[in-house]
Structure formats: structure tokens, C-alpha cells
Protein backbone atom coordinates (compact mmCIF):
# COMPACT_ATOMS: atom_id res chain seq x y z
CA MET A 1 26.22 -21.78 1.12
CA ASN A 2 27.05 -18.42 -0.37
CA VAL A 3 25.18 -15.08 -0.22
CA ARG A 4 25.88 -12.45 -2.87
CA GLU A 5 24.25 -9.50 -4.63
CA VAL A 6 21.91 -10.07 -7.57
CA GLN A 7 23.69 -9.83 -10.92
CA ASP A 8 22.37 -9.25 -14.45
CA THR A 9 22.81 -12.94 -15.23
CA ASP A 10 20.53 -13.92 -12.30
CA ILE A 11 17.36 -12.26 -13.62
CA ILE A 12 16.10 -15.10 -15.81
CA THR A 13 17.10 -17.74 -13.25
CA LEU A 14 15.24 -15.88 -10.48
CA SER A 15 12.12 -15.49 -12.63
CA ASP A 16 12.07 -19.29 -12.98
CA PHE A 17 12.93 -19.95 -9.31
CA LEU A 18 10.40 -17.72 -7.49
CA PRO A 19 7.09 -19.10 -8.89
CA ALA A 20 7.88 -22.43 -7.21
CA GLY A 21 7.59 -20.82 -3.78
CA ILE A 22 5.31 -17.81 -4.31
CA PRO A 23 1.83 -18.92 -5.48
CA ASN A 24 -0.07 -17.38 -8.39
CA THR A 25 3.03 -15.99 -10.06
CA THR A 26 4.77 -16.83 -13.33
CA PRO A 27 8.24 -16.17 -14.76
CA GLU A 28 6.74 -13.40 -16.92
CA PHE A 29 5.23 -11.81 -13.80
CA TRP A 30 8.62 -11.69 -12.09
CA LEU A 31 10.36 -10.24 -15.12
CA ARG A 32 7.80 -7.41 -15.15
CA ARG A 33 8.22 -7.02 -11.40
CA PHE A 34 12.02 -6.76 -11.64
CA ASP A 35 11.64 -4.12 -14.33
CA LEU A 36 9.32 -2.16 -12.03
CA TRP A 37 11.60 -2.48 -9.00
CA TRP A 38 14.76 -1.39 -10.73
CA THR A 39 14.61 -0.39 -14.42
CA SER A 40 11.63 1.98 -14.21
CA ASN A 41 12.13 2.97 -10.57
CA PRO A 42 13.15 6.67 -10.37
CA ALA A 43 14.98 6.03 -7.09
CA TYR A 44 17.17 3.19 -8.39
CA THR A 45 20.86 3.70 -9.21
CA PRO A 46 23.55 1.10 -9.97
CA GLN A 47 25.05 1.80 -6.52
CA ILE A 48 21.95 0.30 -4.86
CA PRO A 49 21.85 -3.53 -4.69
CA ARG A 50 18.92 -5.09 -6.52
CA GLY A 51 18.79 -7.76 -3.85
CA TRP A 52 20.68 -10.82 -2.70
CA VAL A 53 20.65 -14.50 -3.63
CA LEU A 54 21.52 -17.56 -1.59
CA GLU A 55 23.47 -20.20 -3.54
CA HIS A 56 24.00 -23.88 -2.81
CA GLU A 57 26.17 -25.94 -5.14
CA ASN A 58 25.97 -23.17 -7.79
CA ALA A 59 22.15 -23.16 -7.72
CA ILE A 60 19.99 -20.32 -6.40
CA VAL A 61 18.01 -21.51 -3.36
CA GLY A 62 17.01 -18.16 -1.84
CA PHE A 63 16.32 -14.53 -2.69
CA ILE A 64 15.42 -11.20 -1.15
CA GLY A 65 14.64 -8.18 -3.31
CA ASN A 66 15.65 -4.61 -2.49
CA ILE A 67 13.32 -1.78 -3.62
CA PRO A 68 14.48 1.83 -3.20
CA VAL A 69 12.08 4.76 -2.85
CA LYS A 70 12.70 8.44 -2.13
CA PHE A 71 11.83 9.78 1.31
CA LEU A 72 12.08 13.28 2.76
CA VAL A 73 13.94 13.44 6.07
CA LEU A 74 13.85 16.91 7.62
CA GLY A 75 13.47 18.37 4.13
CA GLU A 76 16.36 16.39 2.61
CA VAL A 77 15.81 13.64 0.02
CA LYS A 78 17.04 10.28 1.30
CA ILE A 79 16.80 6.73 -0.02
CA ALA A 80 14.54 4.31 1.82
CA VAL A 81 14.54 0.61 0.92
CA ALA A 82 11.87 -2.08 1.27
CA SER A 83 12.47 -5.81 1.05
CA SER A 84 10.25 -7.97 -1.14
CA GLY A 85 10.10 -11.41 -2.74
CA TRP A 86 11.87 -12.90 0.29
CA TYR A 87 11.86 -16.65 -0.31
CA VAL A 88 14.17 -19.51 0.63
CA ASP A 89 13.75 -23.12 -0.46
CA PRO A 90 12.30 -25.13 2.48
CA SER A 91 15.24 -27.57 2.37
CA VAL A 92 17.70 -24.86 3.46
CA ARG A 93 15.56 -22.55 5.63
CA GLY A 94 16.54 -21.39 9.10
CA ILE A 95 19.69 -19.39 9.61
CA SER A 96 20.06 -19.07 5.82
CA SER A 97 16.91 -16.95 5.62
CA LEU A 98 18.31 -14.59 8.24
CA ARG A 99 21.56 -14.31 6.31
CA LEU A 100 19.62 -12.80 3.42
CA PHE A 101 17.84 -10.32 5.69
CA ASN A 102 21.15 -9.41 7.35
CA GLU A 103 22.52 -8.42 3.94
CA PHE A 104 19.45 -6.25 3.38
CA MET A 105 20.06 -4.50 6.72
CA LYS A 106 23.81 -4.01 6.12
CA GLN A 107 23.60 -2.13 2.82
CA LYS A 108 25.47 1.19 2.82
CA ASN A 109 23.41 3.48 0.56
CA ALA A 110 20.11 3.37 2.47
CA ALA A 111 19.12 5.92 5.09
CA ILE A 112 15.83 4.22 5.99
CA TYR A 113 14.58 0.63 6.05
CA LEU A 114 10.87 -0.06 5.47
CA PHE A 115 9.01 -3.21 6.36
CA LYS A 116 5.49 -4.54 6.77
CA ALA A 117 4.67 -7.84 8.43
CA GLU A 118 1.69 -9.65 9.87
CA ASP A 119 2.81 -13.16 10.82
CA GLU A 120 4.62 -13.75 14.10
CA PRO A 121 7.97 -15.07 12.76
CA LEU A 122 8.50 -11.85 10.81
CA MET A 123 7.38 -9.81 13.81
CA GLU A 124 10.19 -11.41 15.82
CA ILE A 125 12.70 -10.32 13.20
CA ILE A 126 11.61 -6.67 13.12
CA ARG A 127 11.57 -6.55 16.92
CA LYS A 128 15.13 -7.86 16.91
CA TYR A 129 16.21 -5.07 14.57
CA LYS A 130 14.28 -2.43 16.59
CA PHE A 131 12.00 -1.13 13.87
CA GLU A 132 9.52 1.60 14.88
CA GLU A 133 5.87 0.53 14.56
CA HIS A 134 3.30 2.83 12.92
CA ILE A 135 -0.40 1.92 12.95
CA LEU A 136 -2.66 3.07 10.11
CA PRO A 137 -5.11 4.51 9.27
CA ARG A 138 -5.15 7.54 11.56
CA PHE A 139 -8.62 7.01 13.07
CA GLN A 140 -8.40 3.19 13.15
CA LYS A 141 -11.79 2.98 11.42
CA GLU A 142 -12.67 1.63 7.99
CA TYR A 143 -16.02 2.51 6.41
CA VAL A 144 -17.48 -0.10 4.08
CA TYR A 145 -20.13 0.02 1.35
CA ILE A 146 -21.69 -3.11 -0.20
CA VAL A 147 -21.35 -2.73 -3.96
CA ASP A 148 -22.88 -6.07 -4.97
CA LYS A 149 -25.26 -7.71 -2.47
CA LYS A 150 -25.35 -10.91 -4.54
CA LYS A 151 -21.80 -11.74 -3.37
CA ILE A 152 -23.01 -12.49 0.17
CA ASP A 153 -20.43 -15.25 0.90
CA PHE A 154 -17.52 -13.03 -0.13
CA ILE A 155 -18.95 -10.03 1.76
CA GLY A 156 -19.45 -12.02 4.95
CA LEU A 157 -15.89 -13.35 5.01
CA LYS A 158 -14.23 -10.07 4.08
CA PHE A 159 -16.21 -7.81 6.38
CA LEU A 160 -16.41 -10.14 9.37
CA LEU A 161 -13.00 -11.80 9.33
CA SER A 162 -10.80 -9.26 7.49
CA GLY A 163 -8.77 -12.11 6.00
CA HIS A 164 -7.80 -13.88 9.25
CA THR A 165 -9.22 -16.13 11.97
CA PRO A 166 -10.19 -13.95 14.95
CA LYS A 167 -8.42 -14.38 18.28
CA LEU A 168 -10.38 -14.81 21.50
CA SER A 169 -9.80 -11.15 22.37
CA GLU A 170 -11.35 -10.15 19.03
CA LEU A 171 -14.67 -11.97 19.55
CA PRO A 172 -16.55 -8.90 20.92
CA GLU A 173 -15.58 -7.00 17.78
CA LEU A 174 -16.69 -9.96 15.64
CA TYR A 175 -20.12 -10.08 17.29
CA LYS A 176 -20.46 -6.34 16.79
CA ARG A 177 -19.64 -6.73 13.10
CA ILE A 178 -22.20 -9.52 12.66
CA GLY A 179 -24.99 -7.25 13.89
CA MET A 180 -23.72 -4.30 11.89
CA LEU A 181 -23.46 -6.36 8.69
CA PHE A 182 -27.01 -7.68 9.08
CA PHE A 183 -28.37 -4.17 9.59
CA GLY A 184 -26.23 -2.69 6.81
CA TYR A 185 -27.17 -5.40 4.35
CA LEU A 186 -30.86 -4.63 4.86
CA TYR A 187 -30.75 -0.85 5.38
CA GLN A 188 -27.56 0.40 3.73
CA LYS A 189 -27.71 4.09 2.85
CA PRO A 190 -27.33 4.81 -0.88
CA LEU A 191 -24.27 6.73 -1.96
CA LEU A 192 -24.82 9.83 -4.05
CA LYS A 193 -25.30 9.45 -7.80
CA ARG A 194 -22.23 9.16 -9.97
CA GLY A 195 -20.60 12.40 -11.16
CA VAL A 196 -22.35 15.77 -11.14
CA VAL A 197 -25.08 17.30 -13.29
CA PRO A 198 -24.34 20.48 -15.35
CA GLY A 199 -23.95 23.47 -13.09
CA GLU A 200 -22.61 21.52 -10.09
CA ALA A 201 -19.20 22.38 -8.67
CA TYR A 202 -17.15 19.18 -9.14
CA THR A 203 -16.68 16.22 -11.46
CA SER A 204 -14.59 13.06 -10.97
CA SER A 205 -12.98 10.57 -13.35
CA LEU A 206 -10.28 7.91 -13.56
CA CYS A 207 -6.74 9.23 -13.77
CA THR A 208 -3.79 7.79 -15.71
CA SER A 209 -0.88 10.01 -14.58
CA CYS A 210 0.11 12.63 -12.01
CA ASP A 211 1.31 16.17 -12.59
CA ASP A 212 2.46 19.03 -10.34
CA ALA A 213 -1.12 19.63 -9.19
CA PHE A 214 -0.95 16.33 -7.27
CA ILE A 215 2.22 17.52 -5.54
CA ARG A 216 0.68 20.81 -4.48
CA MET A 217 -2.50 19.07 -3.37
CA GLY A 218 -0.64 16.60 -1.17
CA LYS A 219 1.54 19.09 0.71
CA PRO A 220 -0.06 20.35 3.95
CA VAL A 221 0.60 23.96 4.95
CA PRO A 222 2.35 24.10 7.30
CA ASP A 223 3.88 20.67 6.63
CA PRO A 224 3.55 18.63 9.87
CA CYS A 225 5.70 15.70 8.68
CA ASP A 226 9.47 15.55 9.23
CA VAL A 227 9.88 12.09 7.68
CA THR A 228 7.59 11.09 4.84
CA LEU A 229 7.42 9.75 1.32
CA SER A 230 8.88 12.15 -1.25
CA ARG A 231 5.94 13.50 -3.21
CA ASP A 232 7.65 14.26 -6.52
CA THR A 233 5.86 13.45 -9.78
CA GLU A 234 8.25 10.63 -10.75
CA THR A 235 7.79 8.85 -7.42
CA LEU A 236 4.01 9.26 -7.37
CA ASN A 237 3.59 8.05 -10.96
CA TRP A 238 5.74 5.03 -10.15
CA LEU A 239 3.68 4.24 -7.03
CA TYR A 240 0.20 5.08 -8.34
CA PHE A 241 0.41 3.50 -11.80
CA PRO A 242 2.62 0.38 -11.58
CA PRO A 243 1.86 -2.14 -14.36
CA ALA A 244 2.97 -5.31 -12.54
CA ARG A 245 1.12 -5.80 -9.26
CA PHE A 246 -0.76 -8.56 -7.47
CA MET A 247 -3.65 -6.09 -7.10
CA LYS A 248 -5.01 -3.62 -9.63
CA ARG A 249 -4.52 0.00 -8.56
CA VAL A 250 -6.84 2.79 -9.72
CA VAL A 251 -6.61 6.55 -9.14
CA ILE A 252 -9.73 8.73 -9.16
CA GLN A 253 -9.34 12.49 -9.53
CA CYS A 254 -11.81 15.29 -8.84
CA HIS A 255 -11.72 18.68 -10.60
CA ARG A 256 -13.59 21.93 -10.06
CA SER A 257 -16.01 22.27 -12.94
CA HIS A 258 -15.48 25.97 -13.64
CA ASP A 259 -11.68 25.91 -14.08
CA MET A 260 -10.77 22.17 -14.03
CA ALA A 261 -8.36 22.69 -11.11
CA LEU A 262 -7.58 19.54 -9.13
CA ALA A 263 -9.71 19.45 -5.97
CA GLY A 264 -8.81 16.02 -4.59
CA TYR A 265 -8.05 12.41 -5.40
CA MET A 266 -8.26 8.87 -4.05
CA VAL A 267 -6.02 5.87 -4.74
CA PHE A 268 -7.60 2.40 -4.48
CA ASP A 269 -6.35 -1.18 -4.67
CA ILE A 270 -8.75 -3.82 -5.98
CA ALA A 271 -7.85 -7.01 -4.12
CA ARG A 272 -9.12 -10.43 -5.17
CA LYS A 273 -7.95 -14.03 -4.75
CA LYS A 274 -8.81 -15.11 -8.28
CA PRO A 275 -8.62 -12.98 -11.43
CA SER A 276 -12.25 -13.77 -12.29
CA GLY A 277 -13.57 -13.64 -8.72
CA PRO A 278 -15.10 -10.80 -6.70
CA GLY A 279 -12.82 -8.28 -5.04
CA SER A 280 -12.61 -5.50 -2.48
CA MET A 281 -11.89 -1.93 -3.56
CA ILE A 282 -9.71 -0.59 -0.72
CA LEU A 283 -8.63 3.03 -0.24
CA MET A 284 -4.84 3.36 -0.03
CA GLU A 285 -4.40 7.12 -0.13
CA LEU A 286 -6.60 10.21 -0.25
CA CYS A 287 -6.04 13.93 -0.54
CA ILE A 288 -9.02 16.30 -0.33
CA GLY A 289 -8.66 20.07 -0.77
CA ASP A 290 -10.11 21.91 2.25
CA ASN A 291 -11.89 18.68 3.29
CA ASP A 292 -14.80 19.75 1.06
CA PRO A 293 -17.67 17.22 1.42
CA ARG A 294 -18.74 17.89 -2.18
CA VAL A 295 -15.34 16.67 -3.37
CA LEU A 296 -15.69 13.53 -1.23
CA ALA A 297 -19.20 12.89 -2.59
CA SER A 298 -18.03 13.23 -6.19
CA LEU A 299 -15.03 10.94 -5.65
CA LEU A 300 -17.08 8.30 -3.84
CA SER A 301 -19.72 8.25 -6.57
CA CYS A 302 -17.06 7.66 -9.20
CA ALA A 303 -15.37 5.04 -6.98
CA LEU A 304 -18.65 3.15 -6.64
CA GLU A 305 -19.12 2.97 -10.40
CA THR A 306 -15.49 1.94 -10.86
CA GLY A 307 -15.99 -0.84 -8.32
CA LYS A 308 -19.03 -2.13 -10.20
CA GLN A 309 -17.04 -2.18 -13.46
CA HIS A 310 -14.24 -4.20 -11.81
CA ASN A 311 -16.46 -6.78 -10.05
CA ALA A 312 -15.78 -5.34 -6.58
CA ALA A 313 -18.28 -6.52 -3.96
CA LEU A 314 -17.08 -4.09 -1.28
CA LEU A 315 -15.82 -0.50 -1.23
CA ALA A 316 -13.71 0.38 1.84
CA VAL A 317 -12.47 3.86 2.82
CA TRP A 318 -10.90 5.56 5.85
CA ALA A 319 -10.46 9.16 7.00
CA ASP A 320 -7.39 11.35 7.42
CA SER A 321 -9.14 14.28 9.15
CA GLN A 322 -11.95 14.93 11.61
CA GLU A 323 -14.05 16.48 8.84
CA THR A 324 -13.61 13.49 6.53
CA ASP A 325 -14.33 11.07 9.35
CA ALA A 326 -17.58 12.91 10.17
CA PHE A 327 -18.61 12.77 6.48
CA PHE A 328 -17.94 9.03 6.23
CA LYS A 329 -19.76 8.38 9.50
CA SER A 330 -22.88 10.09 8.14
CA THR A 331 -22.61 8.41 4.71
CA PHE A 332 -21.73 4.76 5.44
CA SER A 333 -23.83 2.23 7.35
CA LEU A 334 -20.95 -0.19 7.95
CA LYS A 335 -17.71 0.44 9.80
CA ARG A 336 -15.08 -1.71 11.46
CA THR A 337 -11.90 -1.31 13.49
CA VAL A 338 -8.75 -1.82 11.42
CA HIS A 339 -5.04 -1.89 12.20
CA GLU A 340 -2.53 -1.81 9.34
CA TYR A 341 1.11 -1.76 10.37
CA ARG A 342 4.13 -0.17 8.75
CA TYR A 343 7.64 -0.32 10.20
CA ILE A 344 10.59 2.00 9.80
CA LYS A 345 14.21 1.95 10.96
CA PHE A 346 16.85 4.61 10.45
CA SER A 347 20.30 3.54 9.33
CA ASP A 348 23.14 3.36 11.85
CA ALA A 349 25.73 4.15 9.17
CA PRO A 350 27.53 7.44 10.07
CA ALA A 351 27.04 8.90 6.57
CA MET A 352 23.28 8.20 6.71
CA ARG A 353 22.46 9.40 10.23
CA SER A 354 20.87 12.72 9.27
CA GLY A 355 17.70 12.88 11.29
CA LYS A 356 18.28 9.51 13.00
CA ASP A 357 18.52 10.70 16.58
CA ASN A 358 15.88 13.43 16.35
CA HIS A 359 13.87 12.73 13.24
CA GLY A 360 10.68 14.44 14.42
CA ARG A 361 7.27 13.30 13.27
CA VAL A 362 7.21 10.27 10.95
CA CYS A 363 4.22 10.10 8.59
CA MET A 364 3.78 6.68 7.05
CA SER A 365 1.36 5.81 4.25
CA LEU A 366 -0.59 2.70 3.26
CA ILE A 367 1.00 3.22 -0.16
CA TYR A 368 4.02 0.94 -0.18
CA PRO A 369 6.77 0.30 -2.77
CA PRO A 370 5.34 -2.21 -5.28
CA GLU A 371 5.88 -5.73 -3.94
């Protein structure tokens, strides 16, 4: 079997090959996804591989995609890469799958490798390659609001199980959630009304693009992060408003009423198993000027209405500061412990080692290159 880089002539073949192994996708979906990964990606250049294919008797039997994204490393723009669409036909799995990942890890133009994994086989791989583990969100707490109480079956599974069967060590947390869900279902506190009335300080609405105000809003002073996502307008627009995703992404912005200056924003993913089924509206990124609770209240009210419009049964948020955490604690009846993992590895290539040995503080985000 042969491993080689993806070529122009492979695009159509790959779009036909991948739906066989990755459920709920179509050839049209993959064509849009490839366009997003490479054609419309501001970090992509022809020097960066689009991915690798595994061939057997002149037929493609495996693939791993390569998605570049700009990162700042000690103030210098570097290219980070994330793998996606990793699939190998079951008849040739084993060492062949690792050959694809080895090619991903050997590429020469990447300074940083990004990965996220939950199942144990993939965990073994990232431990082998010595990725650094980063647990999100910062306070390890997720605050949940029931948007539609009629979706009780969906709510119970999503809030109690978080998408997986609990381990024995997780049973105390499960019992705690059962009691909390029962109490919250009966006595949930109402969120504030949507928007603001005339004369109030802030108003929130859906957003369709980012400008320089988002960049200024998202840069702490002084900046505590030595390694982080590059917050330029091209990168943020690519991440916040991708057209081809498994989950719908919405961005809610809040402006000061008297001068329409940006005061904060939240980025949500609406996750659902079926296009027509209920979903969860999950916070992926937030940025609040001065941690103003009035900004949070305005954004949450708009988020609640957006969730109702998109058939979301649950609204889930987390905090990035002590002030925000205190506000959520006083506003939400339901909360649960959460652990989302992101992994990072710095390149060993001599030309890419800037910041490798002493890279300072790494700030990872739930926002991830579009998979």
C-alpha cells in the first residue's frame, strides 16, 4: 500500500469515498468541507499539504485531512495544523492508519499540531506523540438552562449523561445531577427578558461577520497568553461563520445603545443528532467587556430566543472569569462538571522551534478548526 499527499484529482474520489465510513455525510457535504478547509481558509498555502491518502491497488482506502490555522507564538504568527476526516477502510486498518497519522506529524511547514480525542485508541496515539493536554473550560463548570421543557427525554439524556455512559467513578456526579435536574425542572429561574427596552444601556442581536472591534475586544491587557489562536479578522470570520459544519454555529453580539460600540459577544454551536430533532445550544467562546453583568444579561436573553427559534431544548454556558462565574451561578439553576480536552504539540523541526522549549502560557479555546 502507498501513502501520498492529496492531489487535485483526488477531490471528487474522496468526496465519494468518505460517506461510506463517516455517517450522515454526503459527497456534496465533503466537497463543501474541502473548500472550507483549503480554498477559503486564510491560513492555507500551496506549500501546506491538504492531507494524505492511502492507496491499495490504485484505489483510495484511507484518508486524513490537514487543516491549517494561524496561531500566535510569543507574538509571532505561526501555522498550526489539525487533522480531520481520518478514516481507513476496515479491511486495511491497523498499521496503515498509523502510517497516515505519521505523515501528518512529519510535515515540514507546521509549527504546532492540534488534536482533540475522546476514545481510548486515539488517546494512546496522542500519548505516544507526547501531546500536551489542556482541559476546558477554565472553571470546569457548565451552567444549563432548559429552553423547552416538553423535550424531557432529550433533556434527561443530555444533562445527565453528557453523551456517554458514566463510569463507576462518575456515579456520585450522576446522582447529584439527577437531583439537580429534578429541582431545576420544577423551579428553574427565568432568564431576563429578551433585548432591552428604550433607555437601557445594551442591546444584542445575531451577527454575520467580524470586524476590528472583535479583535480589540478579544485581546486582554496585558495579554497573558504566549501561545494562542491568532485573532485576526480573516481567521475569526473563517472560524465563526463556516458554511459547512456538522453543527450550526451562531454568533451573538452586544452593543452599547448610546454609541453602538461592541460590548461583548458569544459564539454558540447548536448540536443535534437529526436535522429535524431537538438540539443543545452550547457556548464555544465568549468575550465580555469589563465583565459587565448587563452585557451578559443582554446576550443571554438573545441566546435564549435564538435557541427557541432553532429548536434547542437546552442552553449551556461556561465562565472565563470569576465575575462571569458568579453571575452564572446566581442566574442558572442547573450546573454540571465538564471536561473538554484539547491537545497541542510543538514541532521538532529546527526551523519551527521558536517557542518550543520555553513557550510560556498556552491558551487553548473550545473553538476548533472546522472538522
